[in-house]
Amino acid sequence: MSMQARAGDYLAMRRSLGYKLRGEGRMLASFAARLDEEGQATITISAALAWAAESPDAAPAHWRRRLSVVRGFARYLATVDPACQIPPAGLLPAPSHRPPPYIYSAEEIAALIHAAGTIGAPLPAATMQALISLIAATGLRVGEALALDRNDAGGDASTLTVTGKNDQIRMVPVHPTTAAMLAGHAARRDRLCPHPAGPAFFTTSTGRRVQQRGVAQTFARLVTLAGIAVPPGRRRPRVHDLRHTFAVTTVTRWYRDGADVAAQLPVLSAYLGHSSPEATYWYLQATPELLALAAGRLPPPGQHHSAGGRTS
């Protein structure tokens, strides 16, 4: 059996358990094809390393991700092939921290929406304006927004039916202004594309569902048009950073309003589609205002909280 066939069996097994494995599947197919081309009947650590780090310009974290994909496949293959070598963890070390996201100001979001309106083709312009507005207002993942169908966000509905990771469905309430914006976009979309090829809410000029790769490429151009400067040594602002911005803005508003932030975090976690508040903490990047507001909740130095007469 070829390595590509074995990789196909492995991916089918994982997907039957609910994993999507889109990017990982493409990576593994590439690795398996490389082994078949070179006539290798099993996985060796040297072959896995050579493939994982074959692009010298890629970030170490990308190399590590590629090797991790191979490692999972190797563990599976080793159960039936004693000659299979499993690349050990830590073989390609990379910084453990993720690059911090870019937090947009309200003015920058408005500039992005305005820049989207300058796109020459009417439907792509309207689509990017509505997509940026929706993610900024709800914190949806880009993939979740693009996966919306017409009956998920049609009419004057005040709640979106969102399909998240692992096909988990949640109901996301939206502000009346967001619902009105989506209704206005739907009407314009139907005028510009009266015969869609499917049920997608966000469609291309040919009536097909908008894809993430095209959105990312267009958004990169909009960042430049909006005059958003890339901070030195930082990753270029992405459309996904609008989700981070939504989370940070929400928590900042809670602090300003004097809310019990710890009690509210599970609400935000559920709204964002996270399994627990712990998964939400990554989105709460420290901005100067958020740090100042959080620090204002701390007791003065030397003062301790008491509980039952004992200091803690």
C-alpha atoms as a PDB file:
ATOM      1  CA  MET A   1       0.000   0.000   0.000  1.00  0.00           C
ATOM      2  CA  SER A   2       1.334   3.461  -0.881  1.00  0.00           C
ATOM      3  CA  MET A   3       2.028   6.024   1.809  1.00  0.00           C
ATOM      4  CA  GLN A   4      -0.624   8.262   0.260  1.00  0.00           C
ATOM      5  CA  ALA A   5      -3.201   5.500   0.696  1.00  0.00           C
ATOM      6  CA  ARG A   6      -2.125   4.938   4.296  1.00  0.00           C
ATOM      7  CA  ALA A   7      -2.324   8.666   4.967  1.00  0.00           C
ATOM      8  CA  GLY A   8      -5.816   8.677   3.450  1.00  0.00           C
ATOM      9  CA  ASP A   9      -6.901   5.889   5.810  1.00  0.00           C
ATOM     10  CA  TYR A  10      -5.470   7.783   8.787  1.00  0.00           C
ATOM     11  CA  LEU A  11      -7.230  11.015   7.852  1.00  0.00           C
ATOM     12  CA  ALA A  12     -10.513   9.174   7.267  1.00  0.00           C
ATOM     13  CA  MET A  13     -10.250   7.648  10.740  1.00  0.00           C
ATOM     14  CA  ARG A  14      -9.544  11.015  12.383  1.00  0.00           C
ATOM     15  CA  ARG A  15     -12.340  12.738  10.466  1.00  0.00           C
ATOM     16  CA  SER A  16     -14.788  10.051  11.527  1.00  0.00           C
ATOM     17  CA  LEU A  17     -14.119  11.263  15.081  1.00  0.00           C
ATOM     18  CA  GLY A  18     -15.186  14.800  14.161  1.00  0.00           C
ATOM     19  CA  TYR A  19     -11.848  16.415  13.249  1.00  0.00           C
ATOM     20  CA  LYS A  20     -11.852  18.646  10.157  1.00  0.00           C
ATOM     21  CA  LEU A  21      -8.108  18.421   9.411  1.00  0.00           C
ATOM     22  CA  ARG A  22      -8.226  20.689   6.377  1.00  0.00           C
ATOM     23  CA  GLY A  23      -4.775  22.279   6.602  1.00  0.00           C
ATOM     24  CA  GLU A  24      -3.317  19.242   8.357  1.00  0.00           C
ATOM     25  CA  GLY A  25      -4.768  16.997   5.659  1.00  0.00           C
ATOM     26  CA  ARG A  26      -3.073  18.976   2.904  1.00  0.00           C
ATOM     27  CA  MET A  27       0.226  18.865   4.789  1.00  0.00           C
ATOM     28  CA  LEU A  28       0.056  15.129   5.358  1.00  0.00           C
ATOM     29  CA  ALA A  29      -0.897  14.451   1.737  1.00  0.00           C
ATOM     30  CA  SER A  30       2.163  16.429   0.659  1.00  0.00           C
ATOM     31  CA  PHE A  31       4.436  14.485   3.008  1.00  0.00           C
ATOM     32  CA  ALA A  32       3.021  11.111   1.933  1.00  0.00           C
ATOM     33  CA  ALA A  33       3.422  12.019  -1.740  1.00  0.00           C
ATOM     34  CA  ARG A  34       7.053  12.962  -1.069  1.00  0.00           C
ATOM     35  CA  LEU A  35       7.712   9.542   0.512  1.00  0.00           C
ATOM     36  CA  ASP A  36       6.097   7.762  -2.435  1.00  0.00           C
ATOM     37  CA  GLU A  37       8.137   9.800  -4.907  1.00  0.00           C
ATOM     38  CA  GLU A  38      11.333   8.835  -3.098  1.00  0.00           C
ATOM     39  CA  GLY A  39      10.333   5.177  -2.846  1.00  0.00           C
ATOM     40  CA  GLN A  40      10.215   5.163   0.967  1.00  0.00           C
ATOM     41  CA  ALA A  41       7.861   2.557   2.385  1.00  0.00           C
ATOM     42  CA  THR A  42       7.773   3.934   5.919  1.00  0.00           C
ATOM     43  CA  ILE A  43       8.487   7.057   7.969  1.00  0.00           C
ATOM     44  CA  THR A  44      11.985   7.889   9.141  1.00  0.00           C
ATOM     45  CA  ILE A  45      12.926  10.725  11.438  1.00  0.00           C
ATOM     46  CA  SER A  46      15.374  12.090   8.891  1.00  0.00           C
ATOM     47  CA  ALA A  47      12.719  12.164   6.155  1.00  0.00           C
ATOM     48  CA  ALA A  48      10.215  13.834   8.481  1.00  0.00           C
ATOM     49  CA  LEU A  49      12.731  16.499   9.504  1.00  0.00           C
ATOM     50  CA  ALA A  50      13.797  17.203   5.931  1.00  0.00           C
ATOM     51  CA  TRP A  51      10.195  17.679   4.834  1.00  0.00           C
ATOM     52  CA  ALA A  52       9.117  19.722   7.873  1.00  0.00           C
ATOM     53  CA  ALA A  53      11.959  22.247   7.513  1.00  0.00           C
ATOM     54  CA  GLU A  54      12.297  22.273   3.729  1.00  0.00           C
ATOM     55  CA  SER A  55      11.293  25.939   3.474  1.00  0.00           C
ATOM     56  CA  PRO A  56      14.180  27.966   4.968  1.00  0.00           C
ATOM     57  CA  ASP A  57      12.137  31.179   5.028  1.00  0.00           C
ATOM     58  CA  ALA A  58       9.289  29.718   7.106  1.00  0.00           C
ATOM     59  CA  ALA A  59       9.000  30.438  10.814  1.00  0.00           C
ATOM     60  CA  PRO A  60      10.225  27.750  13.238  1.00  0.00           C
ATOM     61  CA  ALA A  61       6.670  27.461  14.550  1.00  0.00           C
ATOM     62  CA  HIS A  62       5.558  26.439  11.038  1.00  0.00           C
ATOM     63  CA  TRP A  63       8.256  23.768  10.892  1.00  0.00           C
ATOM     64  CA  ARG A  64       7.114  22.474  14.256  1.00  0.00           C
ATOM     65  CA  ARG A  65       3.500  22.323  13.120  1.00  0.00           C
ATOM     66  CA  ARG A  66       4.443  20.327  10.032  1.00  0.00           C
ATOM     67  CA  LEU A  67       6.474  17.892  12.118  1.00  0.00           C
ATOM     68  CA  SER A  68       3.575  17.558  14.570  1.00  0.00           C
ATOM     69  CA  VAL A  69       1.305  16.491  11.700  1.00  0.00           C
ATOM     70  CA  VAL A  70       3.815  13.810  10.723  1.00  0.00           C
ATOM     71  CA  ARG A  71       4.186  12.696  14.350  1.00  0.00           C
ATOM     72  CA  GLY A  72       0.471  11.973  14.680  1.00  0.00           C
ATOM     73  CA  PHE A  73       0.492   9.931  11.489  1.00  0.00           C
ATOM     74  CA  ALA A  74       3.642   8.096  12.582  1.00  0.00           C
ATOM     75  CA  ARG A  75       2.052   7.071  15.890  1.00  0.00           C
ATOM     76  CA  TYR A  76      -0.843   5.588  13.940  1.00  0.00           C
ATOM     77  CA  LEU A  77       1.404   3.859  11.412  1.00  0.00           C
ATOM     78  CA  ALA A  78       3.705   2.425  14.076  1.00  0.00           C
ATOM     79  CA  THR A  79       0.874   0.247  15.369  1.00  0.00           C
ATOM     80  CA  VAL A  80       1.038  -1.827  12.184  1.00  0.00           C
ATOM     81  CA  ASP A  81       4.568  -1.096  10.963  1.00  0.00           C
ATOM     82  CA  PRO A  82       7.367  -1.757  13.489  1.00  0.00           C
ATOM     83  CA  ALA A  83       9.896  -0.079  11.174  1.00  0.00           C
ATOM     84  CA  CYS A  84       8.095   3.273  11.402  1.00  0.00           C
ATOM     85  CA  GLN A  85      10.030   5.895  13.353  1.00  0.00           C
ATOM     86  CA  ILE A  86       8.114   8.429  15.459  1.00  0.00           C
ATOM     87  CA  PRO A  87       9.748  11.899  15.556  1.00  0.00           C
ATOM     88  CA  PRO A  88      10.154  12.793  19.235  1.00  0.00           C
ATOM     89  CA  ALA A  89       8.571  15.914  20.682  1.00  0.00           C
ATOM     90  CA  GLY A  90      10.926  18.886  20.985  1.00  0.00           C
ATOM     91  CA  LEU A  91      12.928  17.895  17.927  1.00  0.00           C
ATOM     92  CA  LEU A  92      12.211  21.271  16.334  1.00  0.00           C
ATOM     93  CA  PRO A  93      11.937  23.734  19.227  1.00  0.00           C
ATOM     94  CA  ALA A  94      10.168  26.996  18.585  1.00  0.00           C
ATOM     95  CA  PRO A  95       9.008  29.876  20.782  1.00  0.00           C
ATOM     96  CA  SER A  96       6.083  28.668  22.879  1.00  0.00           C
ATOM     97  CA  HIS A  97       4.305  32.028  22.870  1.00  0.00           C
ATOM     98  CA  ARG A  98       2.031  33.004  20.035  1.00  0.00           C
ATOM     99  CA  PRO A  99       2.582  36.364  18.343  1.00  0.00           C
ATOM    100  CA  PRO A 100       0.327  38.930  20.019  1.00  0.00           C
ATOM    101  CA  PRO A 101      -2.719  39.932  17.997  1.00  0.00           C
ATOM    102  CA  TYR A 102      -3.308  43.441  16.723  1.00  0.00           C
ATOM    103  CA  ILE A 103      -6.017  45.311  18.623  1.00  0.00           C
ATOM    104  CA  TYR A 104      -7.845  47.727  16.335  1.00  0.00           C
ATOM    105  CA  SER A 105      -9.168  51.071  17.482  1.00  0.00           C
ATOM    106  CA  ALA A 106     -12.720  52.050  16.565  1.00  0.00           C
ATOM    107  CA  GLU A 107     -11.265  54.556  14.104  1.00  0.00           C
ATOM    108  CA  GLU A 108      -9.179  51.862  12.414  1.00  0.00           C
ATOM    109  CA  ILE A 109     -12.204  49.575  12.041  1.00  0.00           C
ATOM    110  CA  ALA A 110     -14.134  52.436  10.457  1.00  0.00           C
ATOM    111  CA  ALA A 111     -11.180  53.068   8.121  1.00  0.00           C
ATOM    112  CA  LEU A 112     -11.120  49.390   7.097  1.00  0.00           C
ATOM    113  CA  ILE A 113     -14.844  49.445   6.296  1.00  0.00           C
ATOM    114  CA  HIS A 114     -14.395  52.638   4.291  1.00  0.00           C
ATOM    115  CA  ALA A 115     -11.429  51.125   2.413  1.00  0.00           C
ATOM    116  CA  ALA A 116     -13.522  48.054   1.576  1.00  0.00           C
ATOM    117  CA  GLY A 117     -16.053  50.348  -0.051  1.00  0.00           C
ATOM    118  CA  THR A 118     -13.407  51.499  -2.535  1.00  0.00           C
ATOM    119  CA  ILE A 119     -13.041  48.020  -4.063  1.00  0.00           C
ATOM    120  CA  GLY A 120     -13.926  48.368  -7.740  1.00  0.00           C
ATOM    121  CA  ALA A 121     -16.402  45.473  -8.026  1.00  0.00           C
ATOM    122  CA  PRO A 122     -19.694  46.239  -6.230  1.00  0.00           C
ATOM    123  CA  LEU A 123     -20.405  42.826  -4.686  1.00  0.00           C
ATOM    124  CA  PRO A 124     -16.881  42.182  -3.314  1.00  0.00           C
ATOM    125  CA  ALA A 125     -16.913  45.714  -1.889  1.00  0.00           C
ATOM    126  CA  ALA A 126     -20.255  45.148  -0.171  1.00  0.00           C
ATOM    127  CA  THR A 127     -19.171  41.704   1.034  1.00  0.00           C
ATOM    128  CA  MET A 128     -15.968  42.921   2.673  1.00  0.00           C
ATOM    129  CA  GLN A 129     -17.763  45.851   4.295  1.00  0.00           C
ATOM    130  CA  ALA A 130     -20.426  43.562   5.753  1.00  0.00           C
ATOM    131  CA  LEU A 131     -17.929  40.861   6.767  1.00  0.00           C
ATOM    132  CA  ILE A 132     -15.626  43.280   8.608  1.00  0.00           C
ATOM    133  CA  SER A 133     -18.606  44.903  10.312  1.00  0.00           C
ATOM    134  CA  LEU A 134     -20.039  41.541  11.382  1.00  0.00           C
ATOM    135  CA  ILE A 135     -16.804  40.167  12.858  1.00  0.00           C
ATOM    136  CA  ALA A 136     -16.049  43.445  14.630  1.00  0.00           C
ATOM    137  CA  ALA A 137     -19.548  43.502  16.146  1.00  0.00           C
ATOM    138  CA  THR A 138     -19.799  39.825  17.164  1.00  0.00           C
ATOM    139  CA  GLY A 139     -16.284  38.370  17.414  1.00  0.00           C
ATOM    140  CA  LEU A 140     -17.157  35.523  15.061  1.00  0.00           C
ATOM    141  CA  ARG A 141     -14.309  33.506  13.592  1.00  0.00           C
ATOM    142  CA  VAL A 142     -13.776  34.281   9.908  1.00  0.00           C
ATOM    143  CA  GLY A 143     -14.694  30.706   8.995  1.00  0.00           C
ATOM    144  CA  GLU A 144     -17.878  30.908  11.060  1.00  0.00           C
ATOM    145  CA  ALA A 145     -18.971  34.090   9.318  1.00  0.00           C
ATOM    146  CA  LEU A 146     -18.271  32.668   5.862  1.00  0.00           C
ATOM    147  CA  ALA A 147     -20.093  29.430   6.748  1.00  0.00           C
ATOM    148  CA  LEU A 148     -23.344  31.307   7.415  1.00  0.00           C
ATOM    149  CA  ASP A 149     -26.190  30.393   5.102  1.00  0.00           C
ATOM    150  CA  ARG A 150     -29.049  32.694   4.189  1.00  0.00           C
ATOM    151  CA  ASN A 151     -31.453  31.131   6.663  1.00  0.00           C
ATOM    152  CA  ASP A 152     -28.817  31.551   9.413  1.00  0.00           C
ATOM    153  CA  ALA A 153     -28.717  35.328   9.088  1.00  0.00           C
ATOM    154  CA  GLY A 154     -31.643  36.355   6.953  1.00  0.00           C
ATOM    155  CA  GLY A 155     -34.461  38.845   7.371  1.00  0.00           C
ATOM    156  CA  ASP A 156     -34.556  40.889  10.558  1.00  0.00           C
ATOM    157  CA  ALA A 157     -33.406  38.022  12.790  1.00  0.00           C
ATOM    158  CA  SER A 158     -31.818  39.154  16.038  1.00  0.00           C
ATOM    159  CA  THR A 159     -29.929  35.877  16.474  1.00  0.00           C
ATOM    160  CA  LEU A 160     -27.451  34.128  14.184  1.00  0.00           C
ATOM    161  CA  THR A 161     -27.202  30.355  13.910  1.00  0.00           C
ATOM    162  CA  VAL A 162     -23.446  29.799  13.936  1.00  0.00           C
ATOM    163  CA  THR A 163     -21.616  26.562  13.171  1.00  0.00           C
ATOM    164  CA  GLY A 164     -18.337  26.609  15.079  1.00  0.00           C
ATOM    165  CA  LYS A 165     -15.415  24.246  15.493  1.00  0.00           C
ATOM    166  CA  ASN A 166     -16.200  20.527  15.322  1.00  0.00           C
ATOM    167  CA  ASP A 167     -19.637  21.451  13.922  1.00  0.00           C
ATOM    168  CA  GLN A 168     -20.813  22.803  17.279  1.00  0.00           C
ATOM    169  CA  ILE A 169     -23.872  25.015  16.708  1.00  0.00           C
ATOM    170  CA  ARG A 170     -24.586  28.014  18.912  1.00  0.00           C
ATOM    171  CA  MET A 171     -27.050  30.872  18.826  1.00  0.00           C
ATOM    172  CA  VAL A 172     -25.395  34.308  18.750  1.00  0.00           C
ATOM    173  CA  PRO A 173     -27.585  37.328  19.616  1.00  0.00           C
ATOM    174  CA  VAL A 174     -26.746  40.458  17.649  1.00  0.00           C
ATOM    175  CA  HIS A 175     -27.478  44.135  18.192  1.00  0.00           C
ATOM    176  CA  PRO A 176     -30.393  45.547  16.142  1.00  0.00           C
ATOM    177  CA  THR A 177     -27.943  47.698  14.163  1.00  0.00           C
ATOM    178  CA  THR A 178     -25.965  44.583  13.204  1.00  0.00           C
ATOM    179  CA  ALA A 179     -29.158  42.773  12.195  1.00  0.00           C
ATOM    180  CA  ALA A 180     -30.155  45.764  10.061  1.00  0.00           C
ATOM    181  CA  MET A 181     -26.706  45.846   8.459  1.00  0.00           C
ATOM    182  CA  LEU A 182     -26.958  42.155   7.538  1.00  0.00           C
ATOM    183  CA  ALA A 183     -30.461  42.623   6.126  1.00  0.00           C
ATOM    184  CA  GLY A 184     -29.238  45.542   4.026  1.00  0.00           C
ATOM    185  CA  HIS A 185     -26.318  43.497   2.733  1.00  0.00           C
ATOM    186  CA  ALA A 186     -28.610  40.577   1.863  1.00  0.00           C
ATOM    187  CA  ALA A 187     -30.847  42.862  -0.189  1.00  0.00           C
ATOM    188  CA  ARG A 188     -27.895  44.367  -2.054  1.00  0.00           C
ATOM    189  CA  ARG A 189     -26.319  40.941  -2.599  1.00  0.00           C
ATOM    190  CA  ASP A 190     -29.539  39.625  -4.138  1.00  0.00           C
ATOM    191  CA  ARG A 191     -29.708  42.587  -6.510  1.00  0.00           C
ATOM    192  CA  LEU A 192     -26.090  42.106  -7.603  1.00  0.00           C
ATOM    193  CA  CYS A 193     -26.248  38.300  -7.750  1.00  0.00           C
ATOM    194  CA  PRO A 194     -29.865  37.212  -8.316  1.00  0.00           C
ATOM    195  CA  HIS A 195     -28.979  33.596  -9.184  1.00  0.00           C
ATOM    196  CA  PRO A 196     -26.624  32.202  -6.503  1.00  0.00           C
ATOM    197  CA  ALA A 197     -25.014  28.809  -6.854  1.00  0.00           C
ATOM    198  CA  GLY A 198     -25.837  27.817  -3.283  1.00  0.00           C
ATOM    199  CA  PRO A 199     -27.267  28.912   0.084  1.00  0.00           C
ATOM    200  CA  ALA A 200     -24.226  30.920   1.281  1.00  0.00           C
ATOM    201  CA  PHE A 201     -24.927  34.282   2.902  1.00  0.00           C
ATOM    202  CA  PHE A 202     -21.634  35.769   1.692  1.00  0.00           C
ATOM    203  CA  THR A 203     -21.186  35.054  -2.012  1.00  0.00           C
ATOM    204  CA  THR A 204     -18.771  35.901  -4.787  1.00  0.00           C
ATOM    205  CA  SER A 205     -19.824  37.586  -8.019  1.00  0.00           C
ATOM    206  CA  THR A 206     -20.360  34.103  -9.482  1.00  0.00           C
ATOM    207  CA  GLY A 207     -22.722  33.175  -6.658  1.00  0.00           C
ATOM    208  CA  ARG A 208     -20.375  30.828  -4.813  1.00  0.00           C
ATOM    209  CA  ARG A 209     -19.426  30.924  -1.159  1.00  0.00           C
ATOM    210  CA  VAL A 210     -16.619  33.360  -0.324  1.00  0.00           C
ATOM    211  CA  GLN A 211     -13.409  31.578   0.713  1.00  0.00           C
ATOM    212  CA  GLN A 212     -11.056  32.480   3.580  1.00  0.00           C
ATOM    213  CA  ARG A 213      -7.939  32.699   1.416  1.00  0.00           C
ATOM    214  CA  GLY A 214      -9.460  35.399  -0.776  1.00  0.00           C
ATOM    215  CA  VAL A 215     -10.681  37.307   2.283  1.00  0.00           C
ATOM    216  CA  ALA A 216      -7.202  37.236   3.842  1.00  0.00           C
ATOM    217  CA  GLN A 217      -5.578  38.515   0.646  1.00  0.00           C
ATOM    218  CA  THR A 218      -8.110  41.308   0.220  1.00  0.00           C
ATOM    219  CA  PHE A 219      -7.920  42.284   3.892  1.00  0.00           C
ATOM    220  CA  ALA A 220      -4.129  42.644   3.690  1.00  0.00           C
ATOM    221  CA  ARG A 221      -4.622  45.252   0.959  1.00  0.00           C
ATOM    222  CA  LEU A 222      -7.317  47.017   2.994  1.00  0.00           C
ATOM    223  CA  VAL A 223      -4.949  47.339   5.960  1.00  0.00           C
ATOM    224  CA  THR A 224      -2.604  49.334   3.733  1.00  0.00           C
ATOM    225  CA  LEU A 225      -5.409  51.414   2.242  1.00  0.00           C
ATOM    226  CA  ALA A 226      -6.722  52.183   5.730  1.00  0.00           C
ATOM    227  CA  GLY A 227      -3.308  53.552   6.710  1.00  0.00           C
ATOM    228  CA  ILE A 228      -2.791  51.035   9.510  1.00  0.00           C
ATOM    229  CA  ALA A 229       0.937  50.809  10.162  1.00  0.00           C
ATOM    230  CA  VAL A 230       2.494  47.480  11.066  1.00  0.00           C
ATOM    231  CA  PRO A 231       4.298  47.856  14.413  1.00  0.00           C
ATOM    232  CA  PRO A 232       8.039  47.053  14.204  1.00  0.00           C
ATOM    233  CA  GLY A 233       8.704  43.375  14.790  1.00  0.00           C
ATOM    234  CA  ARG A 234       5.001  42.533  14.903  1.00  0.00           C
ATOM    235  CA  ARG A 235       2.874  40.322  12.709  1.00  0.00           C
ATOM    236  CA  ARG A 236       0.807  42.114  10.096  1.00  0.00           C
ATOM    237  CA  PRO A 237      -2.754  42.883  11.308  1.00  0.00           C
ATOM    238  CA  ARG A 238      -5.184  40.167  10.210  1.00  0.00           C
ATOM    239  CA  VAL A 239      -8.938  39.926   9.833  1.00  0.00           C
ATOM    240  CA  HIS A 240      -8.944  37.396  12.715  1.00  0.00           C
ATOM    241  CA  ASP A 241      -7.582  40.126  14.994  1.00  0.00           C
ATOM    242  CA  LEU A 242     -11.039  41.710  14.829  1.00  0.00           C
ATOM    243  CA  ARG A 243     -12.177  38.782  17.004  1.00  0.00           C
ATOM    244  CA  HIS A 244      -9.466  39.536  19.553  1.00  0.00           C
ATOM    245  CA  THR A 245     -10.445  43.192  19.441  1.00  0.00           C
ATOM    246  CA  PHE A 246     -14.073  42.320  20.171  1.00  0.00           C
ATOM    247  CA  ALA A 247     -13.053  40.294  23.248  1.00  0.00           C
ATOM    248  CA  VAL A 248     -10.725  42.987  24.594  1.00  0.00           C
ATOM    249  CA  THR A 249     -13.279  45.742  23.966  1.00  0.00           C
ATOM    250  CA  THR A 250     -16.002  43.760  25.729  1.00  0.00           C
ATOM    251  CA  VAL A 251     -13.923  43.133  28.857  1.00  0.00           C
ATOM    252  CA  THR A 252     -12.714  46.748  28.900  1.00  0.00           C
ATOM    253  CA  ARG A 253     -16.326  47.921  28.818  1.00  0.00           C
ATOM    254  CA  TRP A 254     -17.187  45.610  31.720  1.00  0.00           C
ATOM    255  CA  TYR A 255     -14.356  47.056  33.783  1.00  0.00           C
ATOM    256  CA  ARG A 256     -15.486  50.595  33.001  1.00  0.00           C
ATOM    257  CA  ASP A 257     -19.064  49.746  33.992  1.00  0.00           C
ATOM    258  CA  GLY A 258     -17.959  48.185  37.281  1.00  0.00           C
ATOM    259  CA  ALA A 259     -19.185  44.708  36.331  1.00  0.00           C
ATOM    260  CA  ASP A 260     -17.987  41.494  37.979  1.00  0.00           C
ATOM    261  CA  VAL A 261     -15.607  40.524  35.174  1.00  0.00           C
ATOM    262  CA  ALA A 262     -14.824  37.067  36.591  1.00  0.00           C
ATOM    263  CA  ALA A 263     -18.532  36.251  36.674  1.00  0.00           C
ATOM    264  CA  GLN A 264     -19.069  37.595  33.154  1.00  0.00           C
ATOM    265  CA  LEU A 265     -16.190  35.752  31.476  1.00  0.00           C
ATOM    266  CA  PRO A 266     -18.163  32.486  31.054  1.00  0.00           C
ATOM    267  CA  VAL A 267     -20.772  34.522  29.154  1.00  0.00           C
ATOM    268  CA  LEU A 268     -18.146  35.874  26.788  1.00  0.00           C
ATOM    269  CA  SER A 269     -16.644  32.397  26.448  1.00  0.00           C
ATOM    270  CA  ALA A 270     -19.991  30.907  25.412  1.00  0.00           C
ATOM    271  CA  TYR A 271     -20.663  33.803  23.026  1.00  0.00           C
ATOM    272  CA  LEU A 272     -17.286  33.269  21.310  1.00  0.00           C
ATOM    273  CA  GLY A 273     -17.853  29.524  21.056  1.00  0.00           C
ATOM    274  CA  HIS A 274     -15.125  28.480  23.490  1.00  0.00           C
ATOM    275  CA  SER A 275     -15.442  25.335  25.571  1.00  0.00           C
ATOM    276  CA  SER A 276     -14.382  27.122  28.768  1.00  0.00           C
ATOM    277  CA  PRO A 277     -13.237  30.562  29.983  1.00  0.00           C
ATOM    278  CA  GLU A 278      -9.647  29.306  29.957  1.00  0.00           C
ATOM    279  CA  ALA A 279      -9.803  29.185  26.159  1.00  0.00           C
ATOM    280  CA  THR A 280     -10.902  32.833  26.147  1.00  0.00           C
ATOM    281  CA  TYR A 281      -7.947  34.175  28.126  1.00  0.00           C
ATOM    282  CA  TRP A 282      -5.701  34.150  25.052  1.00  0.00           C
ATOM    283  CA  TYR A 283      -7.977  36.754  23.473  1.00  0.00           C
ATOM    284  CA  LEU A 284      -7.607  39.121  26.401  1.00  0.00           C
ATOM    285  CA  GLN A 285      -4.345  40.726  25.372  1.00  0.00           C
ATOM    286  CA  ALA A 286      -3.181  43.500  27.664  1.00  0.00           C
ATOM    287  CA  THR A 287      -3.872  46.939  26.265  1.00  0.00           C
ATOM    288  CA  PRO A 288      -2.841  49.982  28.329  1.00  0.00           C
ATOM    289  CA  GLU A 289      -6.458  50.811  29.164  1.00  0.00           C
ATOM    290  CA  LEU A 290      -7.353  47.240  30.114  1.00  0.00           C
ATOM    291  CA  LEU A 291      -4.254  46.968  32.315  1.00  0.00           C
ATOM    292  CA  ALA A 292      -5.087  50.232  34.060  1.00  0.00           C
ATOM    293  CA  LEU A 293      -8.694  49.212  34.677  1.00  0.00           C
ATOM    294  CA  ALA A 294      -7.676  45.788  35.983  1.00  0.00           C
ATOM    295  CA  ALA A 295      -5.029  47.328  38.235  1.00  0.00           C
ATOM    296  CA  GLY A 296      -7.669  49.633  39.660  1.00  0.00           C
ATOM    297  CA  ARG A 297      -9.480  46.591  41.044  1.00  0.00           C
ATOM    298  CA  LEU A 298      -6.441  45.446  43.036  1.00  0.00           C
ATOM    299  CA  PRO A 299      -6.203  46.269  46.775  1.00  0.00           C
ATOM    300  CA  PRO A 300      -3.546  48.796  47.835  1.00  0.00           C
ATOM    301  CA  PRO A 301      -0.070  47.360  48.553  1.00  0.00           C
ATOM    302  CA  GLY A 302       0.099  45.688  51.965  1.00  0.00           C
ATOM    303  CA  GLN A 303      -3.670  45.291  52.226  1.00  0.00           C
ATOM    304  CA  HIS A 304      -4.955  41.714  52.283  1.00  0.00           C
ATOM    305  CA  HIS A 305      -8.399  40.304  51.714  1.00  0.00           C
ATOM    306  CA  SER A 306      -9.792  38.585  54.773  1.00  0.00           C
ATOM    307  CA  ALA A 307     -12.015  35.557  55.020  1.00  0.00           C
ATOM    308  CA  GLY A 308     -13.324  34.359  58.332  1.00  0.00           C
ATOM    309  CA  GLY A 309     -10.785  36.490  60.221  1.00  0.00           C
ATOM    310  CA  ARG A 310      -7.805  34.945  58.440  1.00  0.00           C
ATOM    311  CA  THR A 311      -5.573  36.702  55.945  1.00  0.00           C
ATOM    312  CA  SER A 312      -5.177  35.163  52.500  1.00  0.00           C
END
